[in-house]
Protein backbone atom coordinates (compact mmCIF):
# COMPACT_ATOMS: atom_id res chain seq x y z
CA MET A 1 53.05 9.54 -88.66
CA GLY A 2 49.66 8.33 -89.89
CA GLY A 3 46.69 7.76 -87.59
CA ARG A 4 45.84 4.23 -86.45
CA LEU A 5 42.49 2.55 -86.79
CA GLY A 6 42.43 1.70 -83.09
CA MET A 7 42.56 -2.09 -83.71
CA ASP A 8 45.52 -4.38 -83.04
CA ASN A 9 44.08 -7.48 -84.67
CA GLY A 10 45.37 -7.75 -88.23
CA ALA A 11 42.26 -9.53 -89.46
CA ASP A 12 40.06 -6.78 -88.09
CA VAL A 13 42.16 -4.10 -89.78
CA ALA A 14 42.05 -5.95 -93.06
CA ALA A 15 38.31 -6.36 -92.81
CA VAL A 16 37.78 -2.65 -92.33
CA LEU A 17 40.07 -1.85 -95.23
CA GLY A 18 38.24 -4.30 -97.45
CA GLY A 19 41.14 -6.77 -97.75
CA ALA A 20 39.33 -9.66 -96.12
CA ASP A 21 35.88 -10.96 -95.42
CA ARG A 22 34.01 -8.88 -92.89
CA PRO A 23 34.03 -10.39 -89.37
CA ALA A 24 30.96 -12.32 -88.29
CA PHE A 25 29.42 -11.64 -84.87
CA MET A 26 26.83 -13.78 -83.13
CA LEU A 27 24.30 -12.17 -80.79
CA THR A 28 25.90 -13.93 -77.81
CA GLY A 29 29.20 -12.22 -78.66
CA LEU A 30 27.70 -8.79 -79.31
CA PHE A 31 28.24 -7.34 -75.85
CA ASP A 32 31.89 -8.37 -75.58
CA ALA A 33 32.63 -6.96 -79.03
CA TYR A 34 30.85 -3.70 -78.19
CA ARG A 35 32.59 -3.41 -74.83
CA ARG A 36 36.01 -3.74 -76.47
CA LEU A 37 35.15 -0.90 -78.83
CA GLN A 38 33.99 1.24 -75.89
CA SER A 39 37.01 0.52 -73.66
CA ALA A 40 38.28 4.12 -73.75
CA THR A 41 34.81 5.56 -73.17
CA ILE A 42 34.19 3.46 -70.06
CA ALA A 43 37.73 3.52 -68.65
CA ASP A 44 36.88 5.96 -65.83
CA LEU A 45 33.69 4.23 -64.65
CA SER A 46 33.65 2.79 -61.13
CA THR A 47 32.68 -0.84 -60.59
CA ASP A 48 29.08 0.08 -59.82
CA GLN A 49 28.85 2.53 -62.73
CA LEU A 50 30.24 -0.15 -65.07
CA ARG A 51 27.61 -2.61 -63.82
CA LYS A 52 24.85 -0.08 -64.52
CA TRP A 53 26.31 0.59 -67.97
CA ALA A 54 26.56 -3.09 -68.85
CA ASN A 55 23.42 -4.67 -67.42
CA PRO A 56 20.78 -3.01 -69.68
CA LYS A 57 22.78 -4.04 -72.75
CA LYS A 58 23.24 -7.60 -71.56
CA ARG A 59 19.52 -7.79 -70.74
CA ALA A 60 18.53 -6.52 -74.18
CA ILE A 61 20.71 -9.12 -75.90
CA ALA A 62 19.41 -11.93 -73.67
CA ASN A 63 15.82 -10.92 -74.47
CA LEU A 64 16.51 -10.83 -78.20
CA VAL A 65 18.18 -14.26 -78.05
CA THR A 66 15.05 -15.56 -76.30
CA VAL A 67 13.01 -14.50 -79.33
CA LEU A 68 15.42 -15.18 -82.21
CA GLY A 69 17.93 -17.65 -80.85
CA ASP A 70 21.67 -17.02 -81.18
CA LYS A 71 21.63 -15.42 -84.60
CA GLN A 72 24.43 -13.81 -86.61
CA ILE A 73 23.90 -10.06 -86.35
CA ASP A 74 24.11 -9.41 -90.10
CA ARG A 75 21.21 -11.83 -90.58
CA ILE A 76 18.80 -10.01 -88.25
CA SER A 77 15.99 -8.71 -90.43
CA ARG A 78 13.35 -6.04 -90.02
CA SER A 79 10.86 -8.86 -89.61
CA ASP A 80 12.94 -10.21 -86.71
CA ALA A 81 12.94 -6.79 -85.08
CA ILE A 82 9.15 -6.51 -85.45
CA ASP A 83 8.79 -9.98 -83.90
CA PHE A 84 10.83 -8.72 -80.97
CA ARG A 85 8.61 -5.67 -80.57
CA THR A 86 5.52 -7.94 -80.70
CA TRP A 87 7.06 -10.14 -78.00
CA TRP A 88 7.59 -7.06 -75.83
CA SER A 89 4.08 -5.73 -76.52
CA ASP A 90 2.56 -9.01 -75.36
CA ARG A 91 4.62 -8.95 -72.18
CA ILE A 92 3.60 -5.36 -71.42
CA VAL A 93 -0.07 -6.28 -71.73
CA HIS A 94 -0.03 -9.64 -69.95
CA GLU A 95 2.81 -9.27 -67.43
CA ASP A 96 2.26 -5.64 -66.38
CA LEU A 97 5.73 -4.59 -67.55
CA GLN A 98 6.77 -1.05 -68.42
CA ILE A 99 6.87 0.37 -71.95
CA ASP A 100 10.04 2.25 -71.06
CA THR A 101 11.80 -1.03 -70.30
CA ALA A 102 11.01 -2.33 -73.77
CA ASN A 103 12.16 0.89 -75.40
CA LYS A 104 15.46 0.72 -73.50
CA ASP A 105 16.03 -2.69 -75.10
CA PHE A 106 15.45 -1.25 -78.57
CA GLY A 107 17.79 1.66 -77.87
CA ALA A 108 20.56 -0.51 -76.46
CA LEU A 109 20.46 -2.99 -79.33
CA SER A 110 20.42 -0.22 -81.92
CA ALA A 111 23.43 1.52 -80.32
CA MET A 112 25.51 -1.66 -80.15
CA LEU A 113 24.72 -2.76 -83.69
CA THR A 114 25.41 0.71 -85.07
CA CYS A 115 28.77 0.84 -83.30
CA LEU A 116 29.90 -2.49 -84.76
CA ASP A 117 28.51 -1.59 -88.18
CA GLU A 118 30.43 1.70 -88.31
CA THR A 119 33.66 0.10 -87.06
CA TYR A 120 33.70 -3.02 -89.22
CA LEU A 121 31.69 -1.74 -92.22
CA LEU A 122 29.22 -4.61 -91.91
CA GLY A 123 26.52 -2.97 -94.02
CA LEU A 124 23.82 -3.64 -91.44
CA ASP A 125 20.30 -2.34 -91.99
CA PRO A 126 18.92 -0.18 -89.14
CA VAL A 127 16.32 -2.84 -88.31
CA PHE A 128 15.36 -1.36 -84.91
CA LYS A 129 14.86 2.18 -86.21
CA GLY A 130 11.41 3.59 -85.39
CA LEU A 131 10.30 0.56 -83.37
CA ARG A 132 9.88 2.29 -80.03
CA ILE A 133 6.50 1.60 -78.43
CA ALA A 134 4.47 4.79 -77.92
CA GLY A 135 3.54 5.79 -74.39
CA GLY A 136 5.49 5.18 -71.21
CA ALA A 137 6.30 7.32 -68.24
CA SER A 138 7.76 10.80 -68.49
CA GLY A 139 10.61 9.80 -66.18
CA GLN A 140 9.78 12.48 -63.62
CA ARG A 141 9.93 11.11 -60.09
CA THR A 142 7.43 12.25 -57.48
CA ALA A 143 8.55 14.45 -54.60
CA PHE A 144 7.51 13.90 -50.99
CA THR A 145 5.81 16.89 -49.41
CA PRO A 146 8.01 18.59 -46.79
CA GLU A 147 5.31 17.82 -44.20
CA PHE A 148 5.51 14.09 -44.98
CA VAL A 149 9.29 14.11 -44.63
CA ARG A 150 9.15 16.01 -41.35
CA GLU A 151 6.23 14.15 -39.74
CA GLN A 152 6.77 10.65 -41.14
CA ILE A 153 10.26 9.90 -42.49
CA LEU A 154 12.10 11.97 -39.87
CA ALA A 155 9.73 11.19 -37.00
CA PRO A 156 11.54 9.76 -33.92
CA GLY A 157 12.03 6.02 -34.27
CA ARG A 158 10.46 5.83 -37.75
CA LEU A 159 13.62 4.55 -39.45
CA ASP A 160 14.93 2.41 -36.59
CA GLY A 161 14.34 -0.75 -38.65
CA LEU A 162 16.99 0.34 -41.17
CA ASN A 163 20.66 -0.44 -40.63
CA GLU A 164 22.50 2.59 -39.28
CA ASP A 165 24.40 3.48 -42.47
CA ALA A 166 21.20 3.44 -44.54
CA ARG A 167 19.37 5.52 -41.95
CA LEU A 168 22.13 8.12 -41.80
CA ILE A 169 22.24 8.39 -45.60
CA VAL A 170 18.49 9.08 -45.65
CA TYR A 171 19.08 11.93 -43.18
CA LEU A 172 21.97 13.24 -45.29
CA ILE A 173 20.03 13.24 -48.57
CA ALA A 174 16.99 14.87 -46.96
CA GLU A 175 19.03 17.98 -46.05
CA THR A 176 21.51 18.13 -48.94
CA GLY A 177 19.67 16.84 -52.02
CA LEU A 178 22.67 14.65 -52.89
CA ARG A 179 22.23 11.92 -55.48
CA LEU A 180 22.49 8.42 -54.00
CA SER A 181 25.76 7.77 -55.81
CA GLU A 182 27.16 11.04 -54.44
CA ALA A 183 26.17 10.29 -50.86
CA VAL A 184 27.55 6.74 -50.71
CA ASN A 185 30.90 7.75 -52.20
CA LEU A 186 31.83 10.45 -49.71
CA THR A 187 35.20 9.87 -48.03
CA SER A 188 37.33 11.43 -45.33
CA LYS A 189 38.81 13.64 -48.08
CA THR A 190 35.42 15.02 -49.10
CA ILE A 191 33.81 15.41 -45.67
CA ARG A 192 34.83 18.66 -43.95
CA LEU A 193 33.42 18.99 -40.45
CA ASN A 194 35.83 21.30 -38.66
CA GLY A 195 35.50 24.70 -40.35
CA PRO A 196 33.07 27.53 -39.60
CA VAL A 197 30.70 26.00 -42.19
CA PRO A 198 30.84 22.17 -42.22
CA TYR A 199 30.31 20.81 -45.73
CA VAL A 200 30.80 17.90 -48.11
CA ILE A 201 32.51 17.96 -51.49
CA VAL A 202 31.02 16.11 -54.44
CA ALA A 203 34.03 15.00 -56.48
CA PRO A 204 34.90 12.15 -58.90
CA GLU A 205 37.30 10.09 -56.73
CA GLY A 206 37.48 6.91 -58.81
CA ARG A 207 34.14 7.34 -60.57
CA ARG A 208 32.64 9.47 -63.34
CA MET A 209 30.52 12.47 -62.41
CA LYS A 210 27.01 12.50 -63.89
CA THR A 211 27.67 15.92 -65.48
CA GLN A 212 30.43 18.52 -65.34
CA HIS A 213 28.12 20.59 -63.11
CA SER A 214 27.80 17.83 -60.51
CA ALA A 215 31.05 18.75 -58.74
CA ARG A 216 30.11 21.07 -55.90
CA GLU A 217 30.31 21.88 -52.19
CA ILE A 218 27.20 21.45 -50.05
CA PRO A 219 26.99 22.85 -46.50
CA LEU A 220 25.78 20.51 -43.77
CA VAL A 221 22.91 21.64 -41.58
CA GLY A 222 20.48 20.00 -39.18
CA ILE A 223 20.18 16.25 -39.25
CA ALA A 224 22.62 15.95 -42.18
CA LEU A 225 25.36 17.48 -40.03
CA GLU A 226 24.56 15.11 -37.18
CA ALA A 227 24.63 12.16 -39.59
CA MET A 228 28.06 13.07 -40.95
CA ARG A 229 29.43 13.54 -37.46
CA CYS A 230 28.51 9.88 -36.97
CA ARG A 231 30.32 8.92 -40.20
CA PRO A 232 33.25 11.33 -40.63
CA THR A 233 34.96 8.95 -43.09
CA GLY A 234 31.85 8.10 -45.10
CA PHE A 235 29.68 5.02 -45.51
CA LYS A 236 31.97 2.05 -46.18
CA ARG A 237 29.07 -0.42 -46.21
CA TYR A 238 27.54 1.22 -49.30
CA ARG A 239 30.59 2.70 -51.05
CA ASP A 240 30.00 2.42 -54.79
CA LYS A 241 26.79 0.51 -54.02
CA GLY A 242 24.08 3.10 -54.58
CA GLY A 243 21.83 0.50 -56.19
CA THR A 244 22.04 -1.75 -53.14
CA LEU A 245 21.22 1.17 -50.85
CA SER A 246 18.26 2.18 -53.00
CA ALA A 247 16.83 -1.36 -52.91
CA VAL A 248 17.22 -1.60 -49.12
CA VAL A 249 15.64 1.77 -48.36
CA ASN A 250 12.83 1.54 -50.91
CA LYS A 251 11.88 -1.91 -49.64
CA PHE A 252 11.81 -0.56 -46.07
CA PHE A 253 9.80 2.50 -47.13
CA GLY A 254 7.27 0.29 -48.91
CA GLU A 255 6.85 -2.09 -45.99
CA ASN A 256 6.46 0.73 -43.45
CA GLY A 257 4.02 3.11 -45.10
CA LEU A 258 6.64 5.61 -46.25
CA ARG A 259 5.84 5.48 -49.98
CA PRO A 260 2.53 7.36 -50.46
CA THR A 261 2.48 6.25 -54.11
CA SER A 262 4.48 3.86 -56.28
CA GLY A 263 6.20 6.92 -57.75
CA HIS A 264 7.83 7.78 -54.43
CA SER A 265 11.28 6.44 -53.62
CA LEU A 266 14.42 7.38 -51.74
CA TYR A 267 15.40 9.53 -54.73
CA SER A 268 12.22 11.56 -54.18
CA LEU A 269 13.95 13.25 -51.23
CA ARG A 270 16.20 15.00 -53.75
CA HIS A 271 13.17 16.46 -55.52
CA THR A 272 11.70 17.51 -52.17
CA PHE A 273 14.95 19.30 -51.40
CA GLU A 274 14.66 21.30 -54.63
CA ASP A 275 10.99 22.09 -53.92
CA ARG A 276 11.89 23.37 -50.44
CA LEU A 277 14.47 25.77 -51.84
CA THR A 278 11.99 26.99 -54.43
CA ALA A 279 9.38 27.58 -51.70
CA VAL A 280 11.66 30.06 -49.88
CA ASN A 281 12.45 31.89 -53.15
CA ALA A 282 16.09 30.87 -53.34
CA PRO A 283 17.69 32.28 -56.52
CA ASP A 284 17.69 29.95 -59.51
CA LYS A 285 21.49 30.00 -59.60
CA VAL A 286 21.72 28.93 -55.96
CA ILE A 287 19.26 26.06 -56.57
CA ALA A 288 21.12 24.93 -59.69
CA VAL A 289 24.47 24.92 -57.87
CA MET A 290 23.04 23.03 -54.88
CA MET A 291 21.45 20.40 -57.14
CA GLY A 292 24.48 20.00 -59.38
CA HIS A 293 22.53 21.22 -62.40
CA LYS A 294 23.56 23.49 -65.23
CA HIS A 295 22.40 27.08 -64.76
CA GLN A 296 20.82 28.45 -67.92
CA ARG A 297 22.46 31.87 -67.73
CA PRO A 298 26.14 32.36 -68.69
CA LYS A 299 28.54 31.74 -65.82
CA TYR A 300 30.21 34.81 -64.36
CA GLY A 301 32.42 34.92 -61.29
CA LEU A 302 32.91 32.08 -58.82
CA GLY A 303 29.26 31.42 -58.07
CA PRO A 304 27.49 31.28 -54.68
CA THR A 305 29.87 31.04 -51.74
CA LEU A 306 29.71 28.29 -49.13
CA GLU A 307 28.43 30.86 -46.64
CA LEU A 308 25.63 31.98 -48.98
CA LYS A 309 24.55 28.40 -49.62
CA HIS A 310 24.59 27.76 -45.86
CA GLU A 311 22.37 30.80 -45.34
CA TRP A 312 19.73 29.42 -47.72
CA LEU A 313 19.87 25.95 -46.22
CA THR A 314 19.21 27.30 -42.74
CA LYS A 315 15.92 28.70 -44.08
CA ILE A 316 14.62 25.21 -44.93
CA VAL A 317 16.28 23.02 -42.27
CA PHE A 318 14.12 20.36 -40.64
CA PRO A 319 14.02 20.23 -36.82
CA VAL A 320 16.96 18.23 -35.50
CA ARG A 321 16.26 15.07 -33.53
CA ALA A 322 18.78 13.10 -31.49
CA LEU A 323 20.30 10.30 -33.56
């Protein structure tokens, strides 16, 4: 039985095979066409992950329409693309916007146009190739110092202005290094409080893991253990809403002197967690497993046990305060 082209529409099939005129796509229809072609790729994304996947692409198209109008994609020229880059360059200079934001637009547009071009044989020119604006941030977030976390963020009463779920998640991330999306999606199935070593399990559960190495078990110590005892079934208020949590906490941090620089954010606690493990000379493999990173050496055996990970976490635990 021969392979299918993955299209049910007869006109589309004919266009690809050269038996009909190639389909025409307007910029305002670009995202929907691209999303249909990516339906298998995005099938396992959660609602929040799908939003994060879609929004940068929608934004890039909306920005391009602002500059060019609703143009047919096979009529976008290199000159149009350069006009778009000029528009972005002016905004970066005069509106204090980030170079990386502009470059994300170029990347998103190029990916969508390439996908449609390869599927429908449109013969598009790579008009956005090489148009990235030089410069921009390295993408490395800044870590809090352990002293700042201990004496400021975890000081008694310092986070009382946050809602309780947000406050408990801050405590959890400080002592586990979990990603925001991992923390907010814990459930009664992935929170284990009753064994000799209480721990949480990072697992897919209706969402895609960032990498295959992200799945892991993290022991609970100190204030993270106390936080999870308060929420043994997880954080329903923020489930699949990591972006909302980030906005709430970062706004609070900024208004209450808990962001020493603009590079500091809630996510910085994860980098502090890694720095704290490094400071006590934890083995690289233990750090990689705790962080959900790939370890550079070949994998042998089952990896660090829950008990071994717990032993290293007790070396860096912050003093526990009453919640």
